[in-house]
Amino acid sequence: MLFAGNMVRQPCFDGRREAAWAAARAGAPDGAGYRVVGDLAITDRLMNDAFWVGVYPGLAAEMIDFVAAEIVAACGPPSR
C-alpha cells in the first residue's frame, strides 16, 4: 500500500502541524510531534496536482477495467 503527498497536511495533523514543524526545525527531541525534512514543496505539489484513483487489494480485474474505461471516457480518446 502506498500513499504519496504531504502527510502533514492531512486533517489528523490539524492543530499540531505548525507547532511540530517549528519544533522539528528547532531540533526538538523525539516526542515533539513529528519530524519534517526540508520544505516539502514536491510533496505539496504532488498532493495538489496529482490525479488520485482509490484502489485496494480486493479489486477484481473487471473492476479495474471498468474504472480505466471510465477515466478514458472522461478524458476522451487518446490522440494519435
Protein backbone atom coordinates (compact mmCIF):
# COMPACT_ATOMS: atom_id res chain seq x y z
CA MET A 1 0.00 0.00 0.00
CA LEU A 2 1.23 3.44 -0.86
CA PHE A 3 0.27 6.99 -0.12
CA ALA A 4 2.06 9.86 -1.76
CA GLY A 5 1.85 13.52 -0.97
CA ASN A 6 2.35 15.62 2.11
CA MET A 7 1.09 13.60 5.08
CA VAL A 8 1.47 16.55 7.45
CA ARG A 9 -1.28 18.34 5.51
CA GLN A 10 -3.80 15.63 6.38
CA PRO A 11 -6.60 16.57 8.82
CA CYS A 12 -5.25 14.31 11.55
CA PHE A 13 -2.34 16.75 11.91
CA ASP A 14 -4.50 19.89 12.25
CA GLY A 15 -3.71 21.95 15.29
CA ARG A 16 -0.29 20.35 15.69
CA ARG A 17 1.24 20.99 12.30
CA GLU A 18 2.78 24.43 12.74
CA ALA A 19 3.97 23.78 16.29
CA ALA A 20 5.50 20.46 15.30
CA TRP A 21 7.19 21.97 12.23
CA ALA A 22 8.68 24.70 14.39
CA ALA A 23 9.83 22.16 16.99
CA ALA A 24 11.36 19.93 14.33
CA ARG A 25 13.20 22.82 12.71
CA ALA A 26 14.48 23.91 16.13
CA GLY A 27 15.96 20.45 16.67
CA ALA A 28 13.47 19.32 19.30
CA PRO A 29 13.98 15.79 20.64
CA ASP A 30 11.79 12.82 19.70
CA GLY A 31 8.24 13.06 21.01
CA ALA A 32 7.87 16.70 19.98
CA GLY A 33 5.34 15.93 17.24
CA TYR A 34 6.79 14.60 14.03
CA ARG A 35 9.92 15.15 12.01
CA VAL A 36 9.92 17.26 8.84
CA VAL A 37 12.89 17.31 6.48
CA GLY A 38 13.00 20.23 4.06
CA ASP A 39 10.14 22.42 2.91
CA LEU A 40 8.11 19.53 1.39
CA ALA A 41 7.46 21.57 -1.77
CA ILE A 42 7.47 18.48 -4.01
CA THR A 43 5.09 16.60 -1.73
CA ASP A 44 2.79 19.64 -1.68
CA ARG A 45 2.81 19.74 -5.49
CA LEU A 46 2.02 16.05 -5.73
CA MET A 47 -0.76 16.38 -3.18
CA ASN A 48 -2.34 19.33 -5.01
CA ASP A 49 -1.73 18.47 -8.67
CA ALA A 50 -1.91 14.67 -8.93
CA PHE A 51 -4.94 12.71 -10.08
CA TRP A 52 -5.80 10.21 -7.37
CA VAL A 53 -7.56 6.93 -8.02
CA GLY A 54 -8.59 4.99 -4.94
CA VAL A 55 -7.65 1.32 -5.00
CA TYR A 56 -7.40 -1.60 -2.62
CA PRO A 57 -6.10 -5.17 -2.91
CA GLY A 58 -9.58 -6.68 -3.27
CA LEU A 59 -10.31 -5.15 -6.69
CA ALA A 60 -11.09 -7.72 -9.35
CA ALA A 61 -9.76 -7.34 -12.89
CA GLU A 62 -13.27 -6.43 -14.09
CA MET A 63 -13.45 -3.61 -11.55
CA ILE A 64 -10.09 -2.21 -12.64
CA ASP A 65 -11.13 -2.42 -16.30
CA PHE A 66 -14.34 -0.54 -15.50
CA VAL A 67 -12.52 2.28 -13.71
CA ALA A 68 -9.93 2.51 -16.51
CA ALA A 69 -12.68 2.70 -19.14
CA GLU A 70 -14.48 5.44 -17.19
CA ILE A 71 -11.30 7.50 -16.91
CA VAL A 72 -10.63 7.12 -20.65
CA ALA A 73 -14.23 8.10 -21.44
CA ALA A 74 -13.99 11.18 -19.22
CA CYS A 75 -10.69 12.28 -20.78
CA GLY A 76 -11.59 11.50 -24.37
CA PRO A 77 -9.88 9.18 -26.80
CA PRO A 78 -6.08 9.28 -26.97
CA SER A 79 -4.64 11.41 -29.74
CA ARG A 80 -2.63 9.57 -32.35
